[in-house]
Structures are given as structure tokens and as C-alpha cells.
Amino acid sequence: MKHYNSLNEYYVNKYGKKVYKLSINGGMTCPNRDGKIDTRGCIFCSKGGSGEFSTEFSFDIEKQLENAKKRVEKKTNDNLYIAYFQPYSNTYEEYEYLRDIYYKAIKPDYIVGLSIATRPDCLDKKILELLSEINKIKPVSVELGIQTIHNKSAEYIRRGYSLDIYDKAVENLHKENIDVVTHVIIGLPFESEEMILDTVKYVGKRTDGIKLQLLHIIKDTDLETEFINKKFDVLTLEKYTDIICKAIELLPENVVIHRITGDGDKRALIAPMWSADKKRVLNFINKELDKRCIIQGKNFDNSQ
């Protein structure tokens, strides 16, 4: 049963074939790390800037793409890929440098689009013009890590910008016909189920795509210290699945769901350990979706 508008289905409908993302490293940093806002980063963010699956940084972008392609080419014969600038904040650099690496990333024929992970507060007018320029050549999407709409949670995780900054960034990107993908973390400390679902509802009215990400406790982060000191607990698989099912039901049908869980570096994972078995987690969630008959935007279970 089809439960939600998945990224795989979206790509097949758009390009006629299966498409894989190639995670590459632009050598960026982040205003939450270089001292502009803070030096510690977000409380949950790994030293790799949440880019553990990207290639090592190199100025040779095409070589990075080729190396990333080798990782997945056995999974596909279609040879269609999205160039994905993943670690840190990938619009947080000088204009000329960004222009150079973006154009290098879209140059290969096998690259059909460009995906850029960044922060809403790193999108000035000149950068927006650059993204718009490239979007006329190959489709561009921008990923924004809002994580939560709640002020206390945002302060706790050290996000470093207010909700209106996210709203303005989405508005500006949409003016340039650029798709927005929003990251939401499920299971942030001290957030209730109601708070989590309020974030999902808020984002669902604004974004084109969403990544629903389980909170991971990663080694050598400040969140690990909080967890070890028993300041909070993580979600069980059962509770996480319950929230995901409710989130899917809430999201409009047009919103592409890019992720319903997450799989960080297992060597650095502290908790929850059940999340390390991604295949088991996805099977568990899908079985629960079947059981509840939940479809994105509509619940067909008359008993609820």
C-alpha cells in the first residue's frame, strides 16, 4: 500500500528513472561554529557537520562526484544523480567560491539536479540570485534544518536563528521557484508529542519536502553529555513509530517525504541503539502504517 509521497517516487515521476544523491563536501563551515553566532555548533551536531556519508573535502568537485558515484553505482543502471552538498552550511562562503563549485557540480551529464543543505540565515540576496541562475540550468533544491518551531527548544539546541528567518528564507526561495526541503527532528529533549506534531503541521504548510529525522545521540556532542547525565531519555521504536504515523497523516499530499527515520554513523551512535538497524526500523514503521491504514493527508481507519 502506498502510504506517502516518497522521494523515490517523486524522482521516478520527474526523471522517468531512479535517481540517487551523491553527497559531496564543499569545505564549508557554519556561523554556529566559526564564532559569528557560536563556536560550539548545534547541541546534536557531529564534528562532521552531519555529513558522515559525504566524500572527503577536495577542490576537485568532479572527482568527489566520481568517488561518491562508485559507492552506489552497483545499485543502479540508470546513471542519474543529484549533486548534494551536505556537510555544514553550504551557502556560507564567498559568492565567487560558491559559484565555482556549484557550476562544477552540475557540469557532468549524469547530474540532473543540485541539492544544497544550509541554514535559513545564510541566504542573502546575491546567493539567492546565484541559486536562481543555476535553477534555470538544472533543478535546485535547498534543505533547511529548522528542527522545531518552538522557541525554548530552539534555544536549547543552539539553533541560532528565529522562526521568522526560516519563514522569510522559504518565501524568498519560492519566489525563485526553488524547492525547499525542511529537516524536523523527532524526539528533541523536553518536547511533547503535541509539540512535535505542531512543528510538522507548521512546516507542512510551507515546505515542498520534509525530512523526518529521529534524534540521534552522537559521540562527542554536547547532547551526549546531557544524555549521560540523564537530563532526558530517547524515544522507543514503538513511540517513534506512533509519532511518524501521525506526522504522515498530517502532511499535505503534495509534500514529498524524503525521510522517515535516519541512519547516522554507527561507530559514533550512543542512542537509541535500535535505530542502527535501519531495515528493521523501516519494516516496523511500514507494518504499522499498513495496520493503521494511514495515507498521507488522510486516515482510512474508521475506528480512530
Protein backbone atom coordinates (compact mmCIF):
# COMPACT_ATOMS: atom_id res chain seq x y z
CA MET A 1 0.00 0.00 0.00
CA LYS A 2 1.25 3.49 -0.85
CA HIS A 3 1.31 5.48 2.37
CA TYR A 4 3.13 8.67 1.44
CA ASN A 5 4.66 10.73 -1.34
CA SER A 6 8.19 9.31 -1.18
CA LEU A 7 11.35 10.83 -2.61
CA ASN A 8 11.99 7.76 -4.76
CA GLU A 9 8.54 8.03 -6.33
CA TYR A 10 8.99 11.78 -6.82
CA TYR A 11 12.27 11.27 -8.69
CA VAL A 12 10.87 8.49 -10.89
CA ASN A 13 7.89 10.69 -11.81
CA LYS A 14 10.13 13.67 -12.52
CA TYR A 15 13.04 12.00 -14.34
CA GLY A 16 11.50 8.74 -15.53
CA LYS A 17 14.16 6.70 -13.74
CA LYS A 18 15.58 6.02 -10.30
CA VAL A 19 17.86 8.80 -9.05
CA TYR A 20 20.49 8.70 -6.30
CA LYS A 21 22.02 11.56 -4.36
CA LEU A 22 25.81 11.91 -4.38
CA SER A 23 26.91 13.52 -1.11
CA ILE A 24 29.87 15.85 -1.63
CA ASN A 25 31.83 18.19 0.59
CA GLY A 26 32.19 21.88 -0.25
CA GLY A 27 34.65 22.54 2.57
CA MET A 28 32.25 24.89 4.38
CA THR A 29 31.85 25.77 8.00
CA CYS A 30 28.86 27.25 9.84
CA PRO A 31 28.11 30.54 11.65
CA ASN A 32 27.32 28.37 14.66
CA ARG A 33 30.91 27.10 14.65
CA ASP A 34 33.15 29.89 13.37
CA GLY A 35 32.16 32.38 16.08
CA LYS A 36 29.69 34.52 14.16
CA ILE A 37 26.86 33.10 16.30
CA ASP A 38 28.60 30.48 18.44
CA THR A 39 31.62 28.19 18.36
CA ARG A 40 30.01 25.00 19.69
CA GLY A 41 27.61 24.17 16.87
CA CYS A 42 24.11 22.87 17.43
CA ILE A 43 23.92 20.66 20.51
CA PHE A 44 23.27 17.49 18.47
CA CYS A 45 25.62 18.15 15.55
CA SER A 46 28.59 15.86 14.99
CA LYS A 47 32.10 17.09 14.27
CA GLY A 48 31.48 16.18 10.65
CA GLY A 49 28.64 18.67 10.39
CA SER A 50 26.07 15.92 9.80
CA GLY A 51 27.89 14.84 6.67
CA GLU A 52 29.31 11.48 7.65
CA PHE A 53 28.34 9.92 4.32
CA SER A 54 29.88 12.60 2.13
CA THR A 55 33.27 12.25 0.47
CA GLU A 56 36.37 13.89 1.94
CA PHE A 57 36.79 17.54 1.01
CA SER A 58 38.65 18.23 -2.20
CA PHE A 59 38.66 21.24 -4.53
CA ASP A 60 38.19 18.73 -7.35
CA ILE A 61 34.39 18.56 -7.24
CA GLU A 62 34.11 16.24 -10.25
CA LYS A 63 36.48 13.77 -8.60
CA GLN A 64 34.34 13.88 -5.44
CA LEU A 65 31.29 13.12 -7.56
CA GLU A 66 33.02 10.20 -9.26
CA ASN A 67 34.13 8.77 -5.90
CA ALA A 68 30.60 9.13 -4.50
CA LYS A 69 29.16 7.52 -7.63
CA LYS A 70 31.33 4.44 -7.15
CA ARG A 71 29.61 3.87 -3.79
CA VAL A 72 26.17 3.47 -5.32
CA GLU A 73 26.67 2.54 -8.98
CA LYS A 74 26.11 -1.16 -8.24
CA LYS A 75 22.58 -0.27 -7.08
CA THR A 76 21.51 1.34 -10.36
CA ASN A 77 21.92 1.13 -14.12
CA ASP A 78 20.17 4.43 -14.78
CA ASN A 79 23.20 6.68 -14.15
CA LEU A 80 21.17 9.65 -12.96
CA TYR A 81 22.29 11.53 -9.86
CA ILE A 82 21.73 14.64 -7.75
CA ALA A 83 24.83 16.50 -6.58
CA TYR A 84 24.27 17.01 -2.85
CA PHE A 85 26.33 19.49 -0.83
CA GLN A 86 25.66 18.03 2.62
CA PRO A 87 28.09 18.82 5.49
CA TYR A 88 27.75 22.11 7.38
CA SER A 89 26.15 25.23 5.80
CA ASN A 90 26.67 25.12 2.06
CA THR A 91 25.81 28.71 1.21
CA TYR A 92 28.10 30.11 3.90
CA GLU A 93 31.01 31.20 1.73
CA GLU A 94 32.08 33.93 -0.67
CA TYR A 95 29.91 34.30 -3.77
CA GLU A 96 32.66 33.53 -6.30
CA TYR A 97 33.69 30.35 -4.50
CA LEU A 98 30.11 29.12 -4.33
CA ARG A 99 29.51 29.94 -7.99
CA ASP A 100 32.59 27.97 -8.96
CA ILE A 101 31.76 24.79 -7.01
CA TYR A 102 28.06 24.81 -7.86
CA TYR A 103 28.78 25.03 -11.58
CA LYS A 104 31.39 22.30 -11.31
CA ALA A 105 28.84 20.12 -9.51
CA ILE A 106 26.20 20.41 -12.25
CA LYS A 107 28.65 20.04 -15.16
CA PRO A 108 28.61 16.20 -15.59
CA ASP A 109 25.84 14.89 -17.85
CA TYR A 110 24.86 12.31 -15.23
CA ILE A 111 23.98 15.10 -12.76
CA VAL A 112 20.32 16.04 -13.18
CA GLY A 113 19.96 18.39 -10.22
CA LEU A 114 21.64 20.19 -7.34
CA SER A 115 20.72 19.85 -3.66
CA ILE A 116 22.18 22.23 -1.08
CA ALA A 117 21.94 21.84 2.68
CA THR A 118 22.25 25.12 4.55
CA ARG A 119 20.76 27.42 7.19
CA PRO A 120 17.93 29.91 6.62
CA ASP A 121 20.18 32.73 7.87
CA CYS A 122 22.80 32.03 5.18
CA LEU A 123 20.77 33.05 2.13
CA ASP A 124 21.44 36.66 1.23
CA LYS A 125 20.20 38.35 -1.96
CA LYS A 126 23.30 37.57 -4.01
CA ILE A 127 23.24 33.89 -3.05
CA LEU A 128 19.54 33.68 -3.92
CA GLU A 129 20.30 35.19 -7.34
CA LEU A 130 23.02 32.59 -7.87
CA LEU A 131 20.72 29.72 -6.93
CA SER A 132 18.04 31.12 -9.24
CA GLU A 133 20.57 31.32 -12.08
CA ILE A 134 21.58 27.68 -11.65
CA ASN A 135 17.97 26.59 -11.20
CA LYS A 136 17.34 27.69 -14.80
CA ILE A 137 20.01 25.21 -15.95
CA LYS A 138 19.35 22.23 -13.67
CA PRO A 139 16.79 21.99 -10.84
CA VAL A 140 17.98 23.25 -7.45
CA SER A 141 16.54 22.32 -4.07
CA VAL A 142 17.61 23.80 -0.74
CA GLU A 143 17.49 21.92 2.57
CA LEU A 144 16.85 23.96 5.71
CA GLY A 145 17.35 22.50 9.17
CA ILE A 146 14.64 24.11 11.27
CA GLN A 147 14.25 21.02 13.56
CA THR A 148 11.50 22.63 15.68
CA ILE A 149 9.20 25.66 15.69
CA HIS A 150 9.32 26.04 19.48
CA ASN A 151 11.49 28.84 20.89
CA LYS A 152 12.61 27.06 24.07
CA SER A 153 13.68 24.00 22.08
CA ALA A 154 15.46 26.17 19.51
CA GLU A 155 17.40 27.89 22.29
CA TYR A 156 18.23 24.54 23.92
CA ILE A 157 19.67 23.07 20.72
CA ARG A 158 21.50 26.36 19.98
CA ARG A 159 19.92 26.77 16.56
CA GLY A 160 20.87 30.42 16.47
CA TYR A 161 18.02 31.98 14.47
CA SER A 162 14.35 32.78 15.00
CA LEU A 163 11.38 31.17 13.25
CA ASP A 164 10.69 34.25 11.12
CA ILE A 165 14.12 33.80 9.50
CA TYR A 166 13.04 30.36 8.30
CA ASP A 167 9.73 31.75 7.03
CA LYS A 168 11.49 34.51 5.08
CA ALA A 169 14.01 32.07 3.59
CA VAL A 170 11.21 29.79 2.36
CA GLU A 171 9.38 32.78 0.88
CA ASN A 172 12.50 34.02 -0.91
CA LEU A 173 13.38 30.59 -2.31
CA HIS A 174 9.84 30.04 -3.56
CA LYS A 175 9.97 33.42 -5.34
CA GLU A 176 12.86 31.96 -7.34
CA ASN A 177 10.92 28.71 -7.99
CA ILE A 178 13.38 26.76 -5.86
CA ASP A 179 12.08 23.78 -3.91
CA VAL A 180 12.56 23.76 -0.14
CA VAL A 181 13.18 20.63 1.92
CA THR A 182 12.84 21.09 5.69
CA HIS A 183 14.52 18.99 8.38
CA VAL A 184 12.49 18.21 11.51
CA ILE A 185 13.91 16.26 14.45
CA ILE A 186 11.54 13.85 16.19
CA GLY A 187 12.32 13.35 19.87
CA LEU A 188 14.09 16.53 20.91
CA PRO A 189 14.55 16.71 24.70
CA PHE A 190 11.55 18.05 26.63
CA GLU A 191 9.25 18.18 23.59
CA SER A 192 5.84 16.53 23.90
CA GLU A 193 4.16 14.64 21.09
CA GLU A 194 1.84 17.60 20.61
CA MET A 195 4.81 19.95 20.18
CA ILE A 196 6.42 17.66 17.61
CA LEU A 197 3.23 17.39 15.59
CA ASP A 198 2.72 21.17 15.77
CA THR A 199 6.12 21.54 14.09
CA VAL A 200 5.16 19.02 11.39
CA LYS A 201 1.86 20.84 10.72
CA TYR A 202 3.59 24.24 10.55
CA VAL A 203 6.30 23.05 8.20
CA GLY A 204 3.86 21.05 6.06
CA LYS A 205 2.04 24.25 5.09
CA ARG A 206 5.24 25.86 3.82
CA THR A 207 7.72 23.32 2.53
CA ASP A 208 7.91 21.24 -0.66
CA GLY A 209 9.69 18.35 1.02
CA ILE A 210 10.40 17.17 4.56
CA LYS A 211 12.96 15.00 6.31
CA LEU A 212 11.58 13.44 9.49
CA GLN A 213 14.70 12.62 11.46
CA LEU A 214 14.93 10.59 14.65
CA LEU A 215 17.03 12.30 17.32
CA HIS A 216 20.38 10.54 17.46
CA ILE A 217 22.75 10.92 20.39
CA ILE A 218 26.17 11.08 18.75
CA LYS A 219 29.52 10.62 20.45
CA ASP A 220 31.46 13.77 21.35
CA THR A 221 28.47 16.11 21.14
CA ASP A 222 27.11 18.26 23.96
CA LEU A 223 23.88 16.31 23.66
CA GLU A 224 25.78 13.17 24.64
CA THR A 225 26.80 14.84 27.91
CA GLU A 226 23.18 15.79 28.63
CA PHE A 227 22.06 12.23 27.89
CA ILE A 228 24.76 10.62 30.05
CA ASN A 229 23.74 12.95 32.89
CA LYS A 230 20.17 11.64 32.48
CA LYS A 231 18.68 15.02 31.65
CA PHE A 232 16.31 13.30 29.21
CA ASP A 233 15.57 9.98 27.56
CA VAL A 234 15.26 8.93 23.94
CA LEU A 235 12.18 7.55 22.19
CA THR A 236 11.43 3.86 21.92
CA LEU A 237 10.90 2.39 18.47
CA GLU A 238 7.21 1.97 19.27
CA LYS A 239 6.74 5.60 20.33
CA TYR A 240 8.76 6.93 17.42
CA THR A 241 6.67 4.87 15.00
CA ASP A 242 3.45 6.16 16.55
CA ILE A 243 4.58 9.77 16.06
CA ILE A 244 5.75 9.12 12.49
CA CYS A 245 2.37 7.60 11.59
CA LYS A 246 0.59 10.66 12.96
CA ALA A 247 3.02 13.02 11.20
CA ILE A 248 2.45 11.33 7.82
CA GLU A 249 -1.30 11.65 8.27
CA LEU A 250 -0.93 15.38 8.94
CA LEU A 251 1.24 16.26 5.96
CA PRO A 252 -0.41 17.55 2.77
CA GLU A 253 -0.31 15.12 -0.15
CA ASN A 254 1.92 17.39 -2.23
CA VAL A 255 4.75 17.39 0.35
CA VAL A 256 7.48 14.93 -0.63
CA ILE A 257 8.64 12.90 2.37
CA HIS A 258 12.39 12.44 1.91
CA ARG A 259 12.98 10.51 5.12
CA ILE A 260 11.00 8.84 7.89
CA THR A 261 13.99 7.84 10.01
CA GLY A 262 17.75 8.24 9.79
CA ASP A 263 20.95 6.26 9.95
CA GLY A 264 23.95 8.07 11.36
CA ASP A 265 27.47 6.73 11.72
CA LYS A 266 27.00 3.54 13.76
CA ARG A 267 30.52 3.88 15.18
CA ALA A 268 29.52 7.16 16.81
CA LEU A 269 25.95 6.30 17.81
CA ILE A 270 25.25 6.41 21.55
CA ALA A 271 21.45 6.10 21.49
CA PRO A 272 18.90 4.91 20.61
CA MET A 273 20.66 1.73 19.57
CA TRP A 274 17.55 0.29 17.92
CA SER A 275 18.00 2.92 15.19
CA ALA A 276 21.21 1.27 13.97
CA ASP A 277 19.19 -1.40 12.15
CA LYS A 278 17.58 0.83 9.53
CA LYS A 279 15.98 -2.03 7.58
CA ARG A 280 14.25 -3.33 10.71
CA VAL A 281 13.06 0.16 11.63
CA LEU A 282 11.59 0.82 8.18
CA ASN A 283 9.87 -2.57 8.16
CA PHE A 284 8.40 -1.88 11.60
CA ILE A 285 7.09 1.54 10.54
CA ASN A 286 5.65 0.25 7.27
CA LYS A 287 3.86 -2.62 9.02
CA GLU A 288 2.33 -0.16 11.45
CA LEU A 289 1.25 2.09 8.59
CA ASP A 290 -0.40 -0.93 6.93
CA LYS A 291 -2.10 -1.83 10.20
CA ARG A 292 -3.48 1.67 10.71
CA CYS A 293 -4.24 2.21 7.01
CA ILE A 294 -2.74 5.67 7.20
CA ILE A 295 -2.16 7.53 3.94
CA GLN A 296 -0.58 10.96 3.74
CA GLY A 297 -3.23 13.60 4.23
CA LYS A 298 -5.97 11.11 5.08
CA ASN A 299 -6.67 8.38 7.65
CA PHE A 300 -8.77 5.49 6.37
CA ASP A 301 -9.12 3.70 9.72
CA ASN A 302 -12.76 4.34 10.74
CA SER A 303 -12.08 3.19 14.27
CA GLN A 304 -9.95 6.25 15.01
